[in-house]
Amino acid sequence: MTDNESSDLPSPQPWHLVGTVADVTKRRKVVLTIAGRQVLVLAHDGGFFAFDNICVHRDRELSKGVVLNGKLVCPGHQWAFELGTGWESVKHECQPTHAVRT
């Protein structure tokens, strides 16, 4: 995983090992800490997605949410962030995302 251009996470190396494809797929959600911030990596429908784990709305842990209709739904107030972009279309807000590679 690497930080995308919109993220301000400093990184001494461009990618962070989360686990094997099989391991992350089995676990479905993995939370790691990078530079003091929690990052959530999700496996869903054969794809992998990474978000800041703390919701931009009310500081809820997105790792406690669910994926529904291609969106990560926050457990706090049900904001639904698109997996590929982090966009929340009702509130017009964006949850920070990070690039992933397998």
C-alpha atoms as a PDB file:
ATOM      1  CA  MET A   1       0.000   0.000   0.000  1.00  0.00           C
ATOM      2  CA  THR A   2       1.232   3.515  -0.718  1.00  0.00           C
ATOM      3  CA  ASP A   3      -0.005   6.935   0.267  1.00  0.00           C
ATOM      4  CA  ASN A   4      -1.934   8.691  -2.483  1.00  0.00           C
ATOM      5  CA  GLU A   5      -1.243  12.286  -3.418  1.00  0.00           C
ATOM      6  CA  SER A   6      -4.077  13.663  -1.283  1.00  0.00           C
ATOM      7  CA  SER A   7      -2.818  11.984   1.874  1.00  0.00           C
ATOM      8  CA  ASP A   8      -0.384  13.605   4.274  1.00  0.00           C
ATOM      9  CA  LEU A   9       0.937  10.361   5.751  1.00  0.00           C
ATOM     10  CA  PRO A  10       4.734  10.475   5.774  1.00  0.00           C
ATOM     11  CA  SER A  11       6.339   7.199   4.802  1.00  0.00           C
ATOM     12  CA  PRO A  12       9.968   6.109   4.910  1.00  0.00           C
ATOM     13  CA  GLN A  13       9.189   3.572   2.178  1.00  0.00           C
ATOM     14  CA  PRO A  14       6.605   3.758  -0.595  1.00  0.00           C
ATOM     15  CA  TRP A  15       4.660   0.562   0.249  1.00  0.00           C
ATOM     16  CA  HIS A  16       3.579  -1.062   3.499  1.00  0.00           C
ATOM     17  CA  LEU A  17       3.114  -4.817   3.733  1.00  0.00           C
ATOM     18  CA  VAL A  18      -0.354  -5.716   4.997  1.00  0.00           C
ATOM     19  CA  GLY A  19      -0.278  -9.466   4.367  1.00  0.00           C
ATOM     20  CA  THR A  20      -0.672 -11.979   1.606  1.00  0.00           C
ATOM     21  CA  VAL A  21      -3.614 -11.765  -0.773  1.00  0.00           C
ATOM     22  CA  ALA A  22      -4.993 -14.954   0.778  1.00  0.00           C
ATOM     23  CA  ASP A  23      -4.601 -13.634   4.334  1.00  0.00           C
ATOM     24  CA  VAL A  24      -6.242 -10.256   3.675  1.00  0.00           C
ATOM     25  CA  THR A  25      -9.021 -11.916   1.657  1.00  0.00           C
ATOM     26  CA  LYS A  26      -9.716 -14.326   4.518  1.00  0.00           C
ATOM     27  CA  ARG A  27      -9.687 -11.601   7.180  1.00  0.00           C
ATOM     28  CA  ARG A  28     -11.653  -9.162   4.934  1.00  0.00           C
ATOM     29  CA  LYS A  29     -10.581  -6.161   7.059  1.00  0.00           C
ATOM     30  CA  VAL A  30      -7.103  -5.323   8.317  1.00  0.00           C
ATOM     31  CA  VAL A  31      -6.241  -2.214  10.330  1.00  0.00           C
ATOM     32  CA  LEU A  32      -2.658  -1.030  10.587  1.00  0.00           C
ATOM     33  CA  THR A  33      -1.044   2.106  11.942  1.00  0.00           C
ATOM     34  CA  ILE A  34       1.111   4.229   9.668  1.00  0.00           C
ATOM     35  CA  ALA A  35       2.724   7.376  11.052  1.00  0.00           C
ATOM     36  CA  GLY A  36       0.280   7.390  13.969  1.00  0.00           C
ATOM     37  CA  ARG A  37      -2.850   7.077  11.794  1.00  0.00           C
ATOM     38  CA  GLN A  38      -5.050   4.017  11.433  1.00  0.00           C
ATOM     39  CA  VAL A  39      -5.486   2.694   7.897  1.00  0.00           C
ATOM     40  CA  LEU A  40      -8.175   0.152   7.013  1.00  0.00           C
ATOM     41  CA  VAL A  41      -7.496  -2.296   4.174  1.00  0.00           C
ATOM     42  CA  LEU A  42     -10.570  -4.129   2.840  1.00  0.00           C
ATOM     43  CA  ALA A  43     -10.927  -7.156   0.615  1.00  0.00           C
ATOM     44  CA  HIS A  44     -14.221  -7.126  -1.286  1.00  0.00           C
ATOM     45  CA  ASP A  45     -15.366  -8.954  -4.441  1.00  0.00           C
ATOM     46  CA  GLY A  46     -11.802  -9.730  -5.494  1.00  0.00           C
ATOM     47  CA  GLY A  47     -10.570  -6.159  -5.008  1.00  0.00           C
ATOM     48  CA  PHE A  48      -8.592  -4.435  -2.273  1.00  0.00           C
ATOM     49  CA  PHE A  49      -9.288  -0.949  -0.950  1.00  0.00           C
ATOM     50  CA  ALA A  50      -7.635   1.233   1.698  1.00  0.00           C
ATOM     51  CA  PHE A  51      -9.172   4.076   3.714  1.00  0.00           C
ATOM     52  CA  ASP A  52      -8.233   6.150   6.703  1.00  0.00           C
ATOM     53  CA  ASN A  53      -9.964   4.076   9.379  1.00  0.00           C
ATOM     54  CA  ILE A  54     -11.414   7.057  11.234  1.00  0.00           C
ATOM     55  CA  CYS A  55     -14.486   8.554   9.536  1.00  0.00           C
ATOM     56  CA  VAL A  56     -14.256  12.191   8.444  1.00  0.00           C
ATOM     57  CA  HIS A  57     -17.741  12.807   9.831  1.00  0.00           C
ATOM     58  CA  ARG A  58     -17.714  11.811  13.489  1.00  0.00           C
ATOM     59  CA  ASP A  59     -14.448   9.991  14.234  1.00  0.00           C
ATOM     60  CA  ARG A  60     -16.005   6.506  14.099  1.00  0.00           C
ATOM     61  CA  GLU A  61     -13.930   3.437  13.225  1.00  0.00           C
ATOM     62  CA  LEU A  62     -14.845   2.421   9.686  1.00  0.00           C
ATOM     63  CA  SER A  63     -13.469  -1.064  10.382  1.00  0.00           C
ATOM     64  CA  LYS A  64     -16.625  -1.612  12.452  1.00  0.00           C
ATOM     65  CA  GLY A  65     -18.808  -0.742   9.458  1.00  0.00           C
ATOM     66  CA  VAL A  66     -20.098  -2.960   6.664  1.00  0.00           C
ATOM     67  CA  VAL A  67     -19.715  -3.048   2.894  1.00  0.00           C
ATOM     68  CA  LEU A  68     -23.048  -2.711   1.124  1.00  0.00           C
ATOM     69  CA  ASN A  69     -23.670  -2.154  -2.599  1.00  0.00           C
ATOM     70  CA  GLY A  70     -20.019  -1.309  -3.268  1.00  0.00           C
ATOM     71  CA  LYS A  71     -19.812   1.200  -0.436  1.00  0.00           C
ATOM     72  CA  LEU A  72     -18.242   1.178   3.008  1.00  0.00           C
ATOM     73  CA  VAL A  73     -20.966   2.202   5.463  1.00  0.00           C
ATOM     74  CA  CYS A  74     -19.862   3.993   8.625  1.00  0.00           C
ATOM     75  CA  PRO A  75     -21.332   2.494  11.815  1.00  0.00           C
ATOM     76  CA  GLY A  76     -21.905   5.944  13.320  1.00  0.00           C
ATOM     77  CA  HIS A  77     -24.309   7.754  11.013  1.00  0.00           C
ATOM     78  CA  GLN A  78     -24.411   5.434   7.983  1.00  0.00           C
ATOM     79  CA  TRP A  79     -22.429   7.631   5.611  1.00  0.00           C
ATOM     80  CA  ALA A  80     -21.640   5.362   2.633  1.00  0.00           C
ATOM     81  CA  PHE A  81     -18.231   5.824   1.005  1.00  0.00           C
ATOM     82  CA  GLU A  82     -17.563   4.417  -2.494  1.00  0.00           C
ATOM     83  CA  LEU A  83     -14.893   1.735  -2.266  1.00  0.00           C
ATOM     84  CA  GLY A  84     -12.805   2.990  -5.172  1.00  0.00           C
ATOM     85  CA  THR A  85     -12.857   6.708  -4.400  1.00  0.00           C
ATOM     86  CA  GLY A  86     -14.016   7.335  -0.827  1.00  0.00           C
ATOM     87  CA  TRP A  87     -16.773   9.637  -2.151  1.00  0.00           C
ATOM     88  CA  GLU A  88     -19.983  10.017  -0.122  1.00  0.00           C
ATOM     89  CA  SER A  89     -22.563  11.170  -2.668  1.00  0.00           C
ATOM     90  CA  VAL A  90     -25.344  12.318  -0.312  1.00  0.00           C
ATOM     91  CA  LYS A  91     -23.192  14.580   1.867  1.00  0.00           C
ATOM     92  CA  HIS A  92     -20.637  15.387  -0.861  1.00  0.00           C
ATOM     93  CA  GLU A  93     -17.676  14.503   1.346  1.00  0.00           C
ATOM     94  CA  CYS A  94     -14.671  12.316   0.679  1.00  0.00           C
ATOM     95  CA  GLN A  95     -13.040   9.840   3.050  1.00  0.00           C
ATOM     96  CA  PRO A  96      -9.254   9.716   2.489  1.00  0.00           C
ATOM     97  CA  THR A  97      -8.195   6.626   0.507  1.00  0.00           C
ATOM     98  CA  HIS A  98      -4.841   5.061  -0.290  1.00  0.00           C
ATOM     99  CA  ALA A  99      -3.552   3.137  -3.278  1.00  0.00           C
ATOM    100  CA  VAL A 100      -3.102  -0.628  -2.912  1.00  0.00           C
ATOM    101  CA  ARG A 101      -1.272  -3.214  -4.945  1.00  0.00           C
ATOM    102  CA  THR A 102      -1.126  -6.976  -4.814  1.00  0.00           C
END
